């Protein structure tokens, strides 16, 4: 009943946090776009997805701060860049891979590894 008559200040808080996160987004977006390491992009996506999952797991989703709402654009950029880098890696490293004779001599390579034991 309280929420029907009084403002919780949640709208003002979201407005303030959105203005703060717009600066964070302006700072992170160029770094995400220029990041070429798949492991870093993957870790960034995992971190943001972890925060989104925590928001979804909360019982009180009507009157709680949803961080996932504020970081959705950063997560989308990181995911798009991750997909792009993965596609480039597949094209450049996997599709054009031609094995060398030493790559195909795998039994001897294994035997060489176990000589020291």
C-alpha atoms as a PDB file:
ATOM      1  CA  UNK A   1       0.000   0.000   0.000  1.00  0.00           C
ATOM      2  CA  UNK A   2       2.935   2.290   0.721  1.00  0.00           C
ATOM      3  CA  UNK A   3       4.060   2.125  -2.910  1.00  0.00           C
ATOM      4  CA  UNK A   4       0.610   3.180  -4.124  1.00  0.00           C
ATOM      5  CA  UNK A   5       0.801   6.531  -2.307  1.00  0.00           C
ATOM      6  CA  UNK A   6       4.503   7.386  -2.024  1.00  0.00           C
ATOM      7  CA  UNK A   7       7.415   7.519  -4.405  1.00  0.00           C
ATOM      8  CA  UNK A   8      10.342   5.290  -3.574  1.00  0.00           C
ATOM      9  CA  UNK A   9      12.753   7.462  -5.527  1.00  0.00           C
ATOM     10  CA  UNK A  10      13.499   4.517  -7.778  1.00  0.00           C
ATOM     11  CA  UNK A  11      12.831   6.457 -10.973  1.00  0.00           C
ATOM     12  CA  UNK A  12      15.203   9.213  -9.894  1.00  0.00           C
ATOM     13  CA  UNK A  13      17.813   6.642  -8.894  1.00  0.00           C
ATOM     14  CA  UNK A  14      17.573   4.902 -12.272  1.00  0.00           C
ATOM     15  CA  UNK A  15      17.884   8.263 -14.035  1.00  0.00           C
ATOM     16  CA  UNK A  16      20.994   9.107 -12.044  1.00  0.00           C
ATOM     17  CA  UNK A  17      22.554   5.672 -12.581  1.00  0.00           C
ATOM     18  CA  UNK A  18      21.776   5.777 -16.298  1.00  0.00           C
ATOM     19  CA  UNK A  19      23.590   9.091 -16.582  1.00  0.00           C
ATOM     20  CA  UNK A  20      26.584   7.604 -14.722  1.00  0.00           C
ATOM     21  CA  UNK A  21      26.560   4.468 -16.803  1.00  0.00           C
ATOM     22  CA  UNK A  22      26.318   6.429 -20.029  1.00  0.00           C
ATOM     23  CA  UNK A  23      29.786   7.774 -19.204  1.00  0.00           C
ATOM     24  CA  UNK A  24      30.950   4.235 -18.395  1.00  0.00           C
ATOM     25  CA  UNK A  25      29.463   3.030 -21.681  1.00  0.00           C
ATOM     26  CA  UNK A  26      31.234   5.820 -23.586  1.00  0.00           C
ATOM     27  CA  UNK A  27      34.472   4.721 -21.911  1.00  0.00           C
ATOM     28  CA  UNK A  28      34.020   0.954 -22.400  1.00  0.00           C
ATOM     29  CA  UNK A  29      32.563   0.845 -25.911  1.00  0.00           C
ATOM     30  CA  UNK A  30      35.735   1.871 -27.790  1.00  0.00           C
ATOM     31  CA  UNK A  31      37.764  -0.578 -25.703  1.00  0.00           C
ATOM     32  CA  UNK A  32      35.341  -3.393 -26.446  1.00  0.00           C
ATOM     33  CA  UNK A  33      35.373  -2.572 -30.159  1.00  0.00           C
ATOM     34  CA  UNK A  34      39.183  -2.593 -30.277  1.00  0.00           C
ATOM     35  CA  UNK A  35      39.608  -5.715 -28.126  1.00  0.00           C
ATOM     36  CA  UNK A  36      40.785  -8.672 -30.197  1.00  0.00           C
ATOM     37  CA  UNK A  37      41.362 -11.304 -27.539  1.00  0.00           C
ATOM     38  CA  UNK A  38      38.524 -13.794 -27.391  1.00  0.00           C
ATOM     39  CA  UNK A  39      39.296 -14.781 -23.791  1.00  0.00           C
ATOM     40  CA  UNK A  40      38.952 -11.211 -22.530  1.00  0.00           C
ATOM     41  CA  UNK A  41      35.696 -10.663 -24.414  1.00  0.00           C
ATOM     42  CA  UNK A  42      34.355 -13.953 -23.113  1.00  0.00           C
ATOM     43  CA  UNK A  43      35.250 -13.071 -19.530  1.00  0.00           C
ATOM     44  CA  UNK A  44      33.597  -9.673 -19.891  1.00  0.00           C
ATOM     45  CA  UNK A  45      30.404 -11.294 -21.181  1.00  0.00           C
ATOM     46  CA  UNK A  46      30.491 -13.798 -18.315  1.00  0.00           C
ATOM     47  CA  UNK A  47      30.795 -11.036 -15.734  1.00  0.00           C
ATOM     48  CA  UNK A  48      27.862  -9.087 -17.141  1.00  0.00           C
ATOM     49  CA  UNK A  49      25.747 -12.230 -17.526  1.00  0.00           C
ATOM     50  CA  UNK A  50      26.489 -13.159 -13.905  1.00  0.00           C
ATOM     51  CA  UNK A  51      25.067  -9.809 -12.782  1.00  0.00           C
ATOM     52  CA  UNK A  52      22.012 -10.284 -14.982  1.00  0.00           C
ATOM     53  CA  UNK A  53      21.445 -13.768 -13.544  1.00  0.00           C
ATOM     54  CA  UNK A  54      21.698 -12.379 -10.013  1.00  0.00           C
ATOM     55  CA  UNK A  55      19.013  -9.833 -10.887  1.00  0.00           C
ATOM     56  CA  UNK A  56      16.758 -12.556 -12.278  1.00  0.00           C
ATOM     57  CA  UNK A  57      17.250 -14.707  -9.186  1.00  0.00           C
ATOM     58  CA  UNK A  58      16.083 -11.968  -6.826  1.00  0.00           C
ATOM     59  CA  UNK A  59      12.710 -12.588  -5.231  1.00  0.00           C
ATOM     60  CA  UNK A  60      11.765  -8.914  -4.972  1.00  0.00           C
ATOM     61  CA  UNK A  61      11.920  -7.868  -8.616  1.00  0.00           C
ATOM     62  CA  UNK A  62       9.284  -5.152  -8.282  1.00  0.00           C
ATOM     63  CA  UNK A  63      11.172  -2.921  -5.869  1.00  0.00           C
ATOM     64  CA  UNK A  64      14.840  -3.700  -6.384  1.00  0.00           C
ATOM     65  CA  UNK A  65      17.591  -2.168  -8.405  1.00  0.00           C
ATOM     66  CA  UNK A  66      18.006  -4.160 -11.606  1.00  0.00           C
ATOM     67  CA  UNK A  67      21.624  -3.749 -12.630  1.00  0.00           C
ATOM     68  CA  UNK A  68      20.922  -5.826 -15.739  1.00  0.00           C
ATOM     69  CA  UNK A  69      18.678  -3.066 -17.064  1.00  0.00           C
ATOM     70  CA  UNK A  70      21.567  -0.632 -16.854  1.00  0.00           C
ATOM     71  CA  UNK A  71      24.276  -2.783 -18.487  1.00  0.00           C
ATOM     72  CA  UNK A  72      22.334  -4.307 -21.363  1.00  0.00           C
ATOM     73  CA  UNK A  73      23.997  -2.146 -24.053  1.00  0.00           C
ATOM     74  CA  UNK A  74      27.513  -2.941 -22.861  1.00  0.00           C
ATOM     75  CA  UNK A  75      26.707  -6.653 -22.779  1.00  0.00           C
ATOM     76  CA  UNK A  76      25.257  -6.536 -26.304  1.00  0.00           C
ATOM     77  CA  UNK A  77      28.377  -4.803 -27.637  1.00  0.00           C
ATOM     78  CA  UNK A  78      30.668  -7.311 -25.946  1.00  0.00           C
ATOM     79  CA  UNK A  79      28.636 -10.249 -27.269  1.00  0.00           C
ATOM     80  CA  UNK A  80      28.626  -8.865 -30.813  1.00  0.00           C
ATOM     81  CA  UNK A  81      32.394  -8.354 -30.732  1.00  0.00           C
ATOM     82  CA  UNK A  82      32.907 -11.845 -29.284  1.00  0.00           C
ATOM     83  CA  UNK A  83      30.869 -13.423 -32.086  1.00  0.00           C
ATOM     84  CA  UNK A  84      32.740 -11.375 -34.687  1.00  0.00           C
ATOM     85  CA  UNK A  85      36.161 -12.397 -33.298  1.00  0.00           C
ATOM     86  CA  UNK A  86      35.116 -16.054 -33.071  1.00  0.00           C
ATOM     87  CA  UNK A  87      33.978 -15.997 -36.713  1.00  0.00           C
ATOM     88  CA  UNK A  88      37.262 -14.388 -37.774  1.00  0.00           C
ATOM     89  CA  UNK A  89      39.249 -16.966 -35.813  1.00  0.00           C
ATOM     90  CA  UNK A  90      37.343 -19.819 -37.451  1.00  0.00           C
ATOM     91  CA  UNK A  91      37.897 -18.326 -40.906  1.00  0.00           C
ATOM     92  CA  UNK A  92      41.578 -17.479 -40.432  1.00  0.00           C
ATOM     93  CA  UNK A  93      42.813 -20.340 -38.253  1.00  0.00           C
ATOM     94  CA  UNK A  94      40.544 -23.344 -38.761  1.00  0.00           C
ATOM     95  CA  UNK A  95      39.131 -23.211 -42.289  1.00  0.00           C
ATOM     96  CA  UNK A  96      42.481 -22.502 -43.933  1.00  0.00           C
ATOM     97  CA  UNK A  97      44.503 -24.863 -41.723  1.00  0.00           C
ATOM     98  CA  UNK A  98      46.779 -27.180 -43.652  1.00  0.00           C
ATOM     99  CA  UNK A  99      48.605 -29.715 -41.513  1.00  0.00           C
ATOM    100  CA  UNK A 100      52.359 -30.036 -41.730  1.00  0.00           C
ATOM    101  CA  UNK A 101      54.017 -33.456 -41.756  1.00  0.00           C
ATOM    102  CA  UNK A 102      55.019 -33.081 -38.098  1.00  0.00           C
ATOM    103  CA  UNK A 103      51.365 -32.378 -37.231  1.00  0.00           C
ATOM    104  CA  UNK A 104      50.345 -35.662 -38.825  1.00  0.00           C
ATOM    105  CA  UNK A 105      53.107 -37.635 -37.093  1.00  0.00           C
ATOM    106  CA  UNK A 106      51.159 -37.631 -33.871  1.00  0.00           C
ATOM    107  CA  UNK A 107      52.110 -41.130 -32.547  1.00  0.00           C
ATOM    108  CA  UNK A 108      55.818 -40.244 -32.592  1.00  0.00           C
ATOM    109  CA  UNK A 109      55.116 -36.910 -30.923  1.00  0.00           C
ATOM    110  CA  UNK A 110      53.320 -38.715 -28.113  1.00  0.00           C
ATOM    111  CA  UNK A 111      56.127 -41.219 -27.746  1.00  0.00           C
ATOM    112  CA  UNK A 112      58.628 -38.350 -27.526  1.00  0.00           C
ATOM    113  CA  UNK A 113      56.637 -36.762 -24.709  1.00  0.00           C
ATOM    114  CA  UNK A 114      56.776 -39.920 -22.583  1.00  0.00           C
ATOM    115  CA  UNK A 115      60.525 -40.615 -22.944  1.00  0.00           C
ATOM    116  CA  UNK A 116      61.295 -38.396 -19.967  1.00  0.00           C
ATOM    117  CA  UNK A 117      59.076 -40.313 -17.536  1.00  0.00           C
END
